[in-house]
C-alpha atoms as a PDB file:
ATOM      1  CA  UNK A   1      98.914  54.474 184.697  1.00  0.00           C
ATOM      2  CA  UNK A   2      97.187  51.976 181.481  1.00  0.00           C
ATOM      3  CA  UNK A   3      99.429  52.007 178.356  1.00  0.00           C
ATOM      4  CA  UNK A   4      98.142  53.704 175.492  1.00  0.00           C
ATOM      5  CA  UNK A   5      96.606  51.163 173.054  1.00  0.00           C
ATOM      6  CA  UNK A   6      94.349  51.128 169.503  1.00  0.00           C
ATOM      7  CA  UNK A   7      91.081  50.474 170.264  1.00  0.00           C
ATOM      8  CA  UNK A   8      90.166  49.083 166.838  1.00  0.00           C
ATOM      9  CA  UNK A   9      93.002  46.433 167.197  1.00  0.00           C
ATOM     10  CA  UNK A  10      92.090  45.223 170.217  1.00  0.00           C
ATOM     11  CA  UNK A  11      88.665  44.470 168.601  1.00  0.00           C
ATOM     12  CA  UNK A  12      89.302  43.218 165.723  1.00  0.00           C
ATOM     13  CA  UNK A  13      92.687  40.857 166.960  1.00  0.00           C
ATOM     14  CA  UNK A  14      89.834  39.289 169.541  1.00  0.00           C
ATOM     15  CA  UNK A  15      87.186  38.585 167.411  1.00  0.00           C
ATOM     16  CA  UNK A  16      90.694  36.656 165.552  1.00  0.00           C
ATOM     17  CA  UNK A  17      91.190  35.133 168.284  1.00  0.00           C
ATOM     18  CA  UNK A  18      86.902  33.744 168.622  1.00  0.00           C
ATOM     19  CA  UNK A  19      86.270  32.950 165.746  1.00  0.00           C
ATOM     20  CA  UNK A  20      86.402  29.237 165.495  1.00  0.00           C
ATOM     21  CA  UNK A  21      84.655  29.175 168.271  1.00  0.00           C
ATOM     22  CA  UNK A  22      81.090  28.461 168.745  1.00  0.00           C
ATOM     23  CA  UNK A  23      80.176  28.950 171.830  1.00  0.00           C
ATOM     24  CA  UNK A  24      78.411  32.181 172.120  1.00  0.00           C
ATOM     25  CA  UNK A  25      80.859  34.880 173.618  1.00  0.00           C
ATOM     26  CA  UNK A  26      79.203  38.390 173.300  1.00  0.00           C
ATOM     27  CA  UNK A  27      81.859  41.345 172.430  1.00  0.00           C
ATOM     28  CA  UNK A  28      80.475  45.149 172.665  1.00  0.00           C
ATOM     29  CA  UNK A  29      81.759  48.042 173.662  1.00  0.00           C
ATOM     30  CA  UNK A  30      81.060  51.257 175.306  1.00  0.00           C
ATOM     31  CA  UNK A  31      79.273  49.325 178.049  1.00  0.00           C
ATOM     32  CA  UNK A  32      78.502  51.329 181.514  1.00  0.00           C
ATOM     33  CA  UNK A  33      79.970  49.935 184.064  1.00  0.00           C
ATOM     34  CA  UNK A  34      77.538  52.039 186.405  1.00  0.00           C
ATOM     35  CA  UNK A  35      75.203  48.227 185.489  1.00  0.00           C
ATOM     36  CA  UNK A  36      77.606  45.522 186.350  1.00  0.00           C
ATOM     37  CA  UNK A  37      78.789  47.164 189.193  1.00  0.00           C
ATOM     38  CA  UNK A  38      77.126  46.842 193.211  1.00  0.00           C
ATOM     39  CA  UNK A  39      77.873  50.290 193.284  1.00  0.00           C
ATOM     40  CA  UNK A  40      76.020  51.383 190.765  1.00  0.00           C
ATOM     41  CA  UNK A  41      78.582  53.788 189.486  1.00  0.00           C
ATOM     42  CA  UNK A  42      81.123  53.805 186.450  1.00  0.00           C
ATOM     43  CA  UNK A  43      81.296  55.180 182.817  1.00  0.00           C
ATOM     44  CA  UNK A  44      81.686  52.726 179.773  1.00  0.00           C
ATOM     45  CA  UNK A  45      83.955  49.970 179.460  1.00  0.00           C
ATOM     46  CA  UNK A  46      86.151  50.048 175.896  1.00  0.00           C
ATOM     47  CA  UNK A  47      85.117  46.553 175.373  1.00  0.00           C
ATOM     48  CA  UNK A  48      83.305  44.223 177.389  1.00  0.00           C
ATOM     49  CA  UNK A  49      83.901  40.461 176.785  1.00  0.00           C
ATOM     50  CA  UNK A  50      81.538  37.697 177.862  1.00  0.00           C
ATOM     51  CA  UNK A  51      83.636  34.379 177.110  1.00  0.00           C
ATOM     52  CA  UNK A  52      81.436  30.810 177.765  1.00  0.00           C
ATOM     53  CA  UNK A  53      84.563  28.348 177.829  1.00  0.00           C
ATOM     54  CA  UNK A  54      87.963  28.158 178.975  1.00  0.00           C
ATOM     55  CA  UNK A  55      89.278  27.872 175.161  1.00  0.00           C
ATOM     56  CA  UNK A  56      87.022  31.842 175.229  1.00  0.00           C
ATOM     57  CA  UNK A  57      88.428  32.717 177.771  1.00  0.00           C
ATOM     58  CA  UNK A  58      92.340  31.999 176.349  1.00  0.00           C
ATOM     59  CA  UNK A  59      91.684  33.641 173.242  1.00  0.00           C
ATOM     60  CA  UNK A  60      90.775  37.333 174.881  1.00  0.00           C
ATOM     61  CA  UNK A  61      94.001  36.884 177.277  1.00  0.00           C
ATOM     62  CA  UNK A  62      96.233  36.083 173.907  1.00  0.00           C
ATOM     63  CA  UNK A  63      94.253  38.970 172.007  1.00  0.00           C
ATOM     64  CA  UNK A  64      94.864  41.115 174.714  1.00  0.00           C
ATOM     65  CA  UNK A  65      98.634  39.911 174.700  1.00  0.00           C
ATOM     66  CA  UNK A  66      98.671  40.267 171.417  1.00  0.00           C
ATOM     67  CA  UNK A  67      97.474  43.793 171.392  1.00  0.00           C
ATOM     68  CA  UNK A  68      99.213  44.829 174.383  1.00  0.00           C
ATOM     69  CA  UNK A  69      95.425  46.104 176.327  1.00  0.00           C
ATOM     70  CA  UNK A  70      94.769  46.716 179.573  1.00  0.00           C
ATOM     71  CA  UNK A  71      92.662  43.626 180.706  1.00  0.00           C
ATOM     72  CA  UNK A  72      90.511  43.245 183.663  1.00  0.00           C
ATOM     73  CA  UNK A  73      88.928  40.397 185.427  1.00  0.00           C
ATOM     74  CA  UNK A  74      85.351  41.377 186.329  1.00  0.00           C
ATOM     75  CA  UNK A  75      82.282  39.064 188.150  1.00  0.00           C
ATOM     76  CA  UNK A  76      79.506  40.712 189.547  1.00  0.00           C
ATOM     77  CA  UNK A  77      81.310  43.641 190.535  1.00  0.00           C
ATOM     78  CA  UNK A  78      80.999  43.413 193.932  1.00  0.00           C
ATOM     79  CA  UNK A  79      84.239  44.377 195.176  1.00  0.00           C
ATOM     80  CA  UNK A  80      85.366  47.662 192.518  1.00  0.00           C
ATOM     81  CA  UNK A  81      84.880  51.131 191.902  1.00  0.00           C
ATOM     82  CA  UNK A  82      84.732  52.638 188.645  1.00  0.00           C
ATOM     83  CA  UNK A  83      86.349  55.387 187.746  1.00  0.00           C
ATOM     84  CA  UNK A  84      83.484  58.344 185.757  1.00  0.00           C
ATOM     85  CA  UNK A  85      85.728  58.569 183.310  1.00  0.00           C
ATOM     86  CA  UNK A  86      85.033  54.590 182.342  1.00  0.00           C
ATOM     87  CA  UNK A  87      87.800  52.025 182.127  1.00  0.00           C
ATOM     88  CA  UNK A  88      90.362  51.826 178.978  1.00  0.00           C
ATOM     89  CA  UNK A  89      90.999  48.318 177.579  1.00  0.00           C
ATOM     90  CA  UNK A  90      89.464  45.336 177.638  1.00  0.00           C
ATOM     91  CA  UNK A  91      86.854  43.994 181.210  1.00  0.00           C
ATOM     92  CA  UNK A  92      86.303  40.720 180.880  1.00  0.00           C
ATOM     93  CA  UNK A  93      83.161  39.260 183.090  1.00  0.00           C
ATOM     94  CA  UNK A  94      83.178  36.089 184.142  1.00  0.00           C
ATOM     95  CA  UNK A  95      79.309  35.550 184.948  1.00  0.00           C
ATOM     96  CA  UNK A  96      76.820  34.222 184.260  1.00  0.00           C
ATOM     97  CA  UNK A  97      78.076  32.457 181.618  1.00  0.00           C
ATOM     98  CA  UNK A  98      80.349  31.415 182.599  1.00  0.00           C
ATOM     99  CA  UNK A  99      78.601  29.754 186.397  1.00  0.00           C
ATOM    100  CA  UNK A 100      78.662  25.707 185.982  1.00  0.00           C
ATOM    101  CA  UNK A 101      78.657  23.787 189.935  1.00  0.00           C
ATOM    102  CA  UNK A 102      78.842  19.628 190.089  1.00  0.00           C
ATOM    103  CA  UNK A 103      79.227  17.991 192.509  1.00  0.00           C
ATOM    104  CA  UNK A 104      80.621  14.371 193.175  1.00  0.00           C
ATOM    105  CA  UNK A 105      80.929  13.358 196.932  1.00  0.00           C
ATOM    106  CA  UNK A 106      81.790  15.725 199.068  1.00  0.00           C
ATOM    107  CA  UNK A 107      83.950  17.451 196.229  1.00  0.00           C
ATOM    108  CA  UNK A 108      81.860  20.742 194.734  1.00  0.00           C
ATOM    109  CA  UNK A 109      83.297  22.494 191.780  1.00  0.00           C
ATOM    110  CA  UNK A 110      82.507  25.743 190.742  1.00  0.00           C
ATOM    111  CA  UNK A 111      83.373  28.007 187.441  1.00  0.00           C
ATOM    112  CA  UNK A 112      84.535  31.081 188.045  1.00  0.00           C
ATOM    113  CA  UNK A 113      81.981  33.227 187.455  1.00  0.00           C
ATOM    114  CA  UNK A 114      78.844  31.158 189.350  1.00  0.00           C
ATOM    115  CA  UNK A 115      78.139  33.444 192.661  1.00  0.00           C
ATOM    116  CA  UNK A 116      78.928  32.759 196.446  1.00  0.00           C
ATOM    117  CA  UNK A 117      75.251  31.997 196.744  1.00  0.00           C
ATOM    118  CA  UNK A 118      74.170  29.827 194.007  1.00  0.00           C
ATOM    119  CA  UNK A 119      77.524  27.568 195.677  1.00  0.00           C
ATOM    120  CA  UNK A 120      75.913  27.437 199.070  1.00  0.00           C
ATOM    121  CA  UNK A 121      72.899  26.396 197.746  1.00  0.00           C
ATOM    122  CA  UNK A 122      74.389  23.169 195.791  1.00  0.00           C
ATOM    123  CA  UNK A 123      75.740  22.631 198.428  1.00  0.00           C
ATOM    124  CA  UNK A 124      72.742  22.269 201.064  1.00  0.00           C
ATOM    125  CA  UNK A 125      70.701  20.866 198.488  1.00  0.00           C
ATOM    126  CA  UNK A 126      73.731  17.643 198.581  1.00  0.00           C
ATOM    127  CA  UNK A 127      73.646  17.509 202.642  1.00  0.00           C
ATOM    128  CA  UNK A 128      77.570  19.258 202.246  1.00  0.00           C
ATOM    129  CA  UNK A 129      77.828  21.629 204.469  1.00  0.00           C
ATOM    130  CA  UNK A 130      81.240  24.881 205.114  1.00  0.00           C
ATOM    131  CA  UNK A 131      80.825  26.348 203.021  1.00  0.00           C
ATOM    132  CA  UNK A 132      77.424  28.361 204.915  1.00  0.00           C
ATOM    133  CA  UNK A 133      79.788  31.809 205.582  1.00  0.00           C
ATOM    134  CA  UNK A 134      80.076  32.616 201.545  1.00  0.00           C
ATOM    135  CA  UNK A 135      76.086  32.308 201.039  1.00  0.00           C
ATOM    136  CA  UNK A 136      75.591  36.434 201.858  1.00  0.00           C
ATOM    137  CA  UNK A 137      78.709  37.479 200.172  1.00  0.00           C
ATOM    138  CA  UNK A 138      77.992  39.725 197.439  1.00  0.00           C
ATOM    139  CA  UNK A 139      80.105  37.815 194.838  1.00  0.00           C
ATOM    140  CA  UNK A 140      81.477  35.259 192.115  1.00  0.00           C
ATOM    141  CA  UNK A 141      83.895  32.750 192.805  1.00  0.00           C
ATOM    142  CA  UNK A 142      86.505  33.554 191.167  1.00  0.00           C
ATOM    143  CA  UNK A 143      86.889  36.630 192.926  1.00  0.00           C
ATOM    144  CA  UNK A 144      86.354  34.636 196.460  1.00  0.00           C
ATOM    145  CA  UNK A 145      89.469  32.379 195.101  1.00  0.00           C
ATOM    146  CA  UNK A 146      91.506  36.316 194.518  1.00  0.00           C
ATOM    147  CA  UNK A 147      90.788  37.414 197.408  1.00  0.00           C
ATOM    148  CA  UNK A 148      90.283  34.739 199.898  1.00  0.00           C
ATOM    149  CA  UNK A 149      86.897  36.528 200.945  1.00  0.00           C
ATOM    150  CA  UNK A 150      85.587  35.371 204.462  1.00  0.00           C
ATOM    151  CA  UNK A 151      82.271  35.908 206.617  1.00  0.00           C
ATOM    152  CA  UNK A 152      81.364  34.676 210.215  1.00  0.00           C
ATOM    153  CA  UNK A 153      84.319  32.644 210.414  1.00  0.00           C
ATOM    154  CA  UNK A 154      84.898  31.565 207.864  1.00  0.00           C
ATOM    155  CA  UNK A 155      86.552  32.007 204.608  1.00  0.00           C
ATOM    156  CA  UNK A 156      87.761  30.638 201.186  1.00  0.00           C
ATOM    157  CA  UNK A 157      90.905  28.754 202.141  1.00  0.00           C
ATOM    158  CA  UNK A 158      88.959  26.942 204.773  1.00  0.00           C
ATOM    159  CA  UNK A 159      87.349  24.662 201.874  1.00  0.00           C
ATOM    160  CA  UNK A 160      89.734  24.865 198.566  1.00  0.00           C
ATOM    161  CA  UNK A 161      92.125  22.800 197.747  1.00  0.00           C
ATOM    162  CA  UNK A 162      92.633  23.923 194.121  1.00  0.00           C
ATOM    163  CA  UNK A 163      91.749  26.691 192.163  1.00  0.00           C
ATOM    164  CA  UNK A 164      92.047  26.063 187.777  1.00  0.00           C
ATOM    165  CA  UNK A 165      93.288  29.531 186.421  1.00  0.00           C
ATOM    166  CA  UNK A 166      94.950  30.473 183.640  1.00  0.00           C
ATOM    167  CA  UNK A 167      98.310  31.480 184.008  1.00  0.00           C
ATOM    168  CA  UNK A 168     100.259  34.331 182.552  1.00  0.00           C
ATOM    169  CA  UNK A 169     102.027  32.734 180.129  1.00  0.00           C
ATOM    170  CA  UNK A 170      98.367  31.687 178.985  1.00  0.00           C
ATOM    171  CA  UNK A 171      98.635  27.650 180.091  1.00  0.00           C
ATOM    172  CA  UNK A 172      96.718  26.391 182.286  1.00  0.00           C
ATOM    173  CA  UNK A 173      97.741  25.323 185.266  1.00  0.00           C
ATOM    174  CA  UNK A 174      95.598  23.661 188.989  1.00  0.00           C
ATOM    175  CA  UNK A 175      96.549  25.796 191.680  1.00  0.00           C
ATOM    176  CA  UNK A 176      96.192  24.029 194.698  1.00  0.00           C
ATOM    177  CA  UNK A 177      96.583  24.831 198.565  1.00  0.00           C
ATOM    178  CA  UNK A 178      99.874  26.386 199.423  1.00  0.00           C
ATOM    179  CA  UNK A 179     100.677  27.560 196.588  1.00  0.00           C
ATOM    180  CA  UNK A 180      97.579  30.023 196.443  1.00  0.00           C
ATOM    181  CA  UNK A 181      99.071  31.364 199.784  1.00  0.00           C
ATOM    182  CA  UNK A 182      96.299  32.356 201.500  1.00  0.00           C
ATOM    183  CA  UNK A 183      96.097  35.434 203.659  1.00  0.00           C
ATOM    184  CA  UNK A 184      93.558  37.770 204.555  1.00  0.00           C
ATOM    185  CA  UNK A 185      91.726  39.173 201.451  1.00  0.00           C
ATOM    186  CA  UNK A 186      95.052  38.231 199.425  1.00  0.00           C
ATOM    187  CA  UNK A 187      96.474  35.065 197.303  1.00  0.00           C
ATOM    188  CA  UNK A 188      99.278  34.830 195.010  1.00  0.00           C
ATOM    189  CA  UNK A 189      96.874  35.363 192.111  1.00  0.00           C
ATOM    190  CA  UNK A 190      95.793  38.881 192.596  1.00  0.00           C
ATOM    191  CA  UNK A 191      98.369  40.735 191.170  1.00  0.00           C
ATOM    192  CA  UNK A 192      99.725  38.476 189.268  1.00  0.00           C
ATOM    193  CA  UNK A 193      97.816  37.967 185.975  1.00  0.00           C
ATOM    194  CA  UNK A 194      95.814  34.793 186.750  1.00  0.00           C
ATOM    195  CA  UNK A 195      92.828  33.791 186.146  1.00  0.00           C
ATOM    196  CA  UNK A 196      90.307  32.343 187.676  1.00  0.00           C
ATOM    197  CA  UNK A 197      87.912  29.378 185.829  1.00  0.00           C
ATOM    198  CA  UNK A 198      87.254  27.326 188.058  1.00  0.00           C
ATOM    199  CA  UNK A 199      88.017  26.153 192.130  1.00  0.00           C
ATOM    200  CA  UNK A 200      87.554  22.873 193.819  1.00  0.00           C
ATOM    201  CA  UNK A 201      85.822  22.661 197.375  1.00  0.00           C
ATOM    202  CA  UNK A 202      86.216  19.423 199.135  1.00  0.00           C
ATOM    203  CA  UNK A 203      83.153  19.656 202.120  1.00  0.00           C
ATOM    204  CA  UNK A 204      81.533  17.519 204.649  1.00  0.00           C
ATOM    205  CA  UNK A 205      78.403  15.695 205.085  1.00  0.00           C
ATOM    206  CA  UNK A 206      75.501  17.530 207.058  1.00  0.00           C
ATOM    207  CA  UNK A 207      71.625  18.078 207.717  1.00  0.00           C
ATOM    208  CA  UNK A 208      70.353  19.749 205.322  1.00  0.00           C
ATOM    209  CA  UNK A 209      67.860  20.659 207.480  1.00  0.00           C
ATOM    210  CA  UNK A 210      70.704  22.813 209.670  1.00  0.00           C
ATOM    211  CA  UNK A 211      72.909  23.440 206.721  1.00  0.00           C
ATOM    212  CA  UNK A 212      69.692  25.767 205.808  1.00  0.00           C
ATOM    213  CA  UNK A 213      68.929  26.843 208.874  1.00  0.00           C
ATOM    214  CA  UNK A 214      73.031  28.354 209.072  1.00  0.00           C
ATOM    215  CA  UNK A 215      72.276  29.980 206.005  1.00  0.00           C
ATOM    216  CA  UNK A 216      69.231  32.025 207.443  1.00  0.00           C
ATOM    217  CA  UNK A 217      70.363  32.773 210.323  1.00  0.00           C
ATOM    218  CA  UNK A 218      73.343  34.113 208.524  1.00  0.00           C
ATOM    219  CA  UNK A 219      70.994  35.884 206.360  1.00  0.00           C
ATOM    220  CA  UNK A 220      69.227  37.494 208.853  1.00  0.00           C
ATOM    221  CA  UNK A 221      72.521  38.824 210.882  1.00  0.00           C
ATOM    222  CA  UNK A 222      73.237  40.537 207.494  1.00  0.00           C
ATOM    223  CA  UNK A 223      70.437  42.148 206.398  1.00  0.00           C
ATOM    224  CA  UNK A 224      70.003  43.449 211.033  1.00  0.00           C
ATOM    225  CA  UNK A 225      73.480  44.791 210.497  1.00  0.00           C
ATOM    226  CA  UNK A 226      74.992  45.712 207.099  1.00  0.00           C
ATOM    227  CA  UNK A 227      73.279  48.560 204.702  1.00  0.00           C
ATOM    228  CA  UNK A 228      71.913  46.058 201.873  1.00  0.00           C
ATOM    229  CA  UNK A 229      69.219  48.189 200.803  1.00  0.00           C
ATOM    230  CA  UNK A 230      71.597  51.392 199.593  1.00  0.00           C
ATOM    231  CA  UNK A 231      74.238  50.144 196.239  1.00  0.00           C
ATOM    232  CA  UNK A 232      78.345  49.533 197.895  1.00  0.00           C
ATOM    233  CA  UNK A 233      80.751  47.483 197.178  1.00  0.00           C
ATOM    234  CA  UNK A 234      80.562  45.511 200.277  1.00  0.00           C
ATOM    235  CA  UNK A 235      83.087  46.110 203.567  1.00  0.00           C
ATOM    236  CA  UNK A 236      84.785  49.373 202.218  1.00  0.00           C
ATOM    237  CA  UNK A 237      88.334  48.627 204.076  1.00  0.00           C
ATOM    238  CA  UNK A 238      90.490  45.607 205.179  1.00  0.00           C
ATOM    239  CA  UNK A 239      89.836  45.537 208.453  1.00  0.00           C
ATOM    240  CA  UNK A 240      93.321  46.694 210.471  1.00  0.00           C
ATOM    241  CA  UNK A 241      95.204  43.833 212.306  1.00  0.00           C
ATOM    242  CA  UNK A 242      93.533  44.518 216.716  1.00  0.00           C
ATOM    243  CA  UNK A 243      90.706  47.382 215.133  1.00  0.00           C
ATOM    244  CA  UNK A 244      87.295  46.847 213.371  1.00  0.00           C
ATOM    245  CA  UNK A 245      86.980  49.922 210.938  1.00  0.00           C
ATOM    246  CA  UNK A 246      83.498  50.150 211.823  1.00  0.00           C
ATOM    247  CA  UNK A 247      84.540  51.659 215.473  1.00  0.00           C
ATOM    248  CA  UNK A 248      87.297  53.580 214.977  1.00  0.00           C
ATOM    249  CA  UNK A 249      84.992  55.278 212.129  1.00  0.00           C
ATOM    250  CA  UNK A 250      82.392  55.625 214.363  1.00  0.00           C
ATOM    251  CA  UNK A 251      85.236  56.944 216.671  1.00  0.00           C
ATOM    252  CA  UNK A 252      86.536  59.296 214.200  1.00  0.00           C
ATOM    253  CA  UNK A 253      82.677  60.904 214.401  1.00  0.00           C
ATOM    254  CA  UNK A 254      82.085  60.428 210.860  1.00  0.00           C
ATOM    255  CA  UNK A 255      78.875  58.308 211.133  1.00  0.00           C
ATOM    256  CA  UNK A 256      76.752  59.279 207.746  1.00  0.00           C
ATOM    257  CA  UNK A 257      78.509  61.657 206.636  1.00  0.00           C
ATOM    258  CA  UNK A 258      79.048  62.479 203.111  1.00  0.00           C
ATOM    259  CA  UNK A 259      80.359  64.060 200.323  1.00  0.00           C
ATOM    260  CA  UNK A 260      78.136  64.553 197.143  1.00  0.00           C
ATOM    261  CA  UNK A 261      76.442  61.304 197.052  1.00  0.00           C
ATOM    262  CA  UNK A 262      78.610  59.015 198.614  1.00  0.00           C
ATOM    263  CA  UNK A 263      77.989  58.313 202.131  1.00  0.00           C
ATOM    264  CA  UNK A 264      79.318  56.323 205.413  1.00  0.00           C
ATOM    265  CA  UNK A 265      76.626  54.177 206.119  1.00  0.00           C
ATOM    266  CA  UNK A 266      73.886  54.813 209.565  1.00  0.00           C
ATOM    267  CA  UNK A 267      73.620  51.682 209.443  1.00  0.00           C
ATOM    268  CA  UNK A 268      77.334  50.027 209.347  1.00  0.00           C
ATOM    269  CA  UNK A 269      80.350  52.735 209.933  1.00  0.00           C
ATOM    270  CA  UNK A 270      82.565  50.198 207.339  1.00  0.00           C
ATOM    271  CA  UNK A 271      80.587  51.067 204.389  1.00  0.00           C
ATOM    272  CA  UNK A 272      80.403  53.291 202.438  1.00  0.00           C
ATOM    273  CA  UNK A 273      77.541  53.421 200.058  1.00  0.00           C
ATOM    274  CA  UNK A 274      75.472  55.464 197.445  1.00  0.00           C
ATOM    275  CA  UNK A 275      72.417  57.617 199.086  1.00  0.00           C
ATOM    276  CA  UNK A 276      72.298  58.221 195.515  1.00  0.00           C
ATOM    277  CA  UNK A 277      73.466  59.529 192.466  1.00  0.00           C
ATOM    278  CA  UNK A 278      77.092  59.451 194.182  1.00  0.00           C
ATOM    279  CA  UNK A 279      80.235  59.737 191.491  1.00  0.00           C
ATOM    280  CA  UNK A 280      83.298  57.844 191.361  1.00  0.00           C
ATOM    281  CA  UNK A 281      85.065  60.992 192.950  1.00  0.00           C
ATOM    282  CA  UNK A 282      82.304  61.417 195.348  1.00  0.00           C
ATOM    283  CA  UNK A 283      83.509  57.851 197.012  1.00  0.00           C
ATOM    284  CA  UNK A 284      87.158  57.847 196.522  1.00  0.00           C
ATOM    285  CA  UNK A 285      86.660  61.877 197.982  1.00  0.00           C
ATOM    286  CA  UNK A 286      85.405  59.867 201.298  1.00  0.00           C
ATOM    287  CA  UNK A 287      87.604  57.113 201.420  1.00  0.00           C
ATOM    288  CA  UNK A 288      90.408  59.456 201.323  1.00  0.00           C
ATOM    289  CA  UNK A 289      88.281  61.517 204.125  1.00  0.00           C
ATOM    290  CA  UNK A 290      87.450  58.754 206.160  1.00  0.00           C
ATOM    291  CA  UNK A 291      91.730  57.679 205.736  1.00  0.00           C
ATOM    292  CA  UNK A 292      92.779  60.828 206.782  1.00  0.00           C
ATOM    293  CA  UNK A 293      90.485  61.651 209.637  1.00  0.00           C
ATOM    294  CA  UNK A 294      90.768  57.383 211.162  1.00  0.00           C
ATOM    295  CA  UNK A 295      94.513  57.906 211.128  1.00  0.00           C
ATOM    296  CA  UNK A 296      94.625  61.434 212.985  1.00  0.00           C
ATOM    297  CA  UNK A 297      91.963  60.438 215.930  1.00  0.00           C
ATOM    298  CA  UNK A 298      92.996  57.173 215.734  1.00  0.00           C
ATOM    299  CA  UNK A 299      96.050  56.326 214.283  1.00  0.00           C
ATOM    300  CA  UNK A 300      95.359  53.727 212.802  1.00  0.00           C
ATOM    301  CA  UNK A 301      96.119  53.383 208.634  1.00  0.00           C
ATOM    302  CA  UNK A 302      93.091  52.148 206.514  1.00  0.00           C
ATOM    303  CA  UNK A 303      93.919  50.057 203.152  1.00  0.00           C
ATOM    304  CA  UNK A 304      90.932  50.525 201.062  1.00  0.00           C
ATOM    305  CA  UNK A 305      89.383  46.408 200.218  1.00  0.00           C
ATOM    306  CA  UNK A 306      87.672  48.256 196.899  1.00  0.00           C
ATOM    307  CA  UNK A 307      89.104  48.119 193.994  1.00  0.00           C
ATOM    308  CA  UNK A 308      89.725  51.704 191.992  1.00  0.00           C
ATOM    309  CA  UNK A 309      89.160  50.582 188.184  1.00  0.00           C
ATOM    310  CA  UNK A 310      90.363  53.879 185.822  1.00  0.00           C
ATOM    311  CA  UNK A 311      91.681  56.117 187.781  1.00  0.00           C
ATOM    312  CA  UNK A 312      94.949  58.020 187.325  1.00  0.00           C
ATOM    313  CA  UNK A 313      98.163  56.128 189.143  1.00  0.00           C
ATOM    314  CA  UNK A 314      96.542  52.989 189.589  1.00  0.00           C
END
C-alpha cells in the first residue's frame, strides 16, 4: 500500500533538486504508462522523470526522500503490469536518455537505460562474445542487473563483474558480483532500494561472424516459439524448480483461455498476452485463474515474474 503524499510538494522538490543541472532532464505529469510498457496497459503515472545524468538520478531520489513520495524505476517497461487507475508517486524512467555504451578491450560498460539488444550489438561489433543470450531480451541493462535476466542458457551473472548503483543513503557505490548475490530472477539490489546506474561486463574475444550468427539464430528461435506479434510482459511466471511453466499451463487445459482482452498465448502457454483491449484487471484476473488452476491440477504454485504496479496491497 502506498503512503499518502503531496504531488505538488513532490514536483516542487524535484524541480528544486534539478535546478542546478542543465542536462535536459524532463519532468512530466499524468503520463499514460500504456505508452511506456510492452503490455501496452496502464493508467497515468502522477509524475514521470527521465534523467540524463547520474547527478539527475541522485537529485530525483533525494527529492522523493524529502517529499516522502513513492519512487519506481522504469526501463523499457518489459516486465511491468501497471494498474488501470495509474501509479501514484514518481516513475523515473531510465531508457534512451541514459543509454551510453563504451567498449574497452574485453570490458563493456553500459548505462542502466541501454537496451540489451544494443549492448549485444556493441559487443558483437567489437568482436566480443558472451552477451548473445540477452540480445532478444526486451529490456535494459538496469533491469537485467536487478533481476539477473537470462535466456537460452545464459544469465546476466555469467558476464557481469560489477554494477554501479545509487544506494538508499544516496551514495554511489560499486556492487561486485559477490555482493550482488545474483540468483534466479533476483539480486540483492532487488527490493533493497538500490537504483542501478550502469553495469560492467567482462566478455571474451570471438569471431564477429560467429557472434552475429548466434544472435540471428536466437532471434529466429524466439520468433518461432514466442508470441512476439502481441503485446506482453514476456514470461508471465517464474520457472518452478523441476517444471516448465508452459507445460504446466498446457496440461491444465488453459491454452487460449481468456479473460476480457487478456489471453494465455496460443503460441506459448507461458505467456499472457494482450490480445486486444486488455485491461490490467483482465490480466490480473487471468494470472490468478492460471495460478489457481495449475495448483489444483498439478500441485505446483506459480509465482508471477511480471511486476505489479499500483495495485491494492502491492
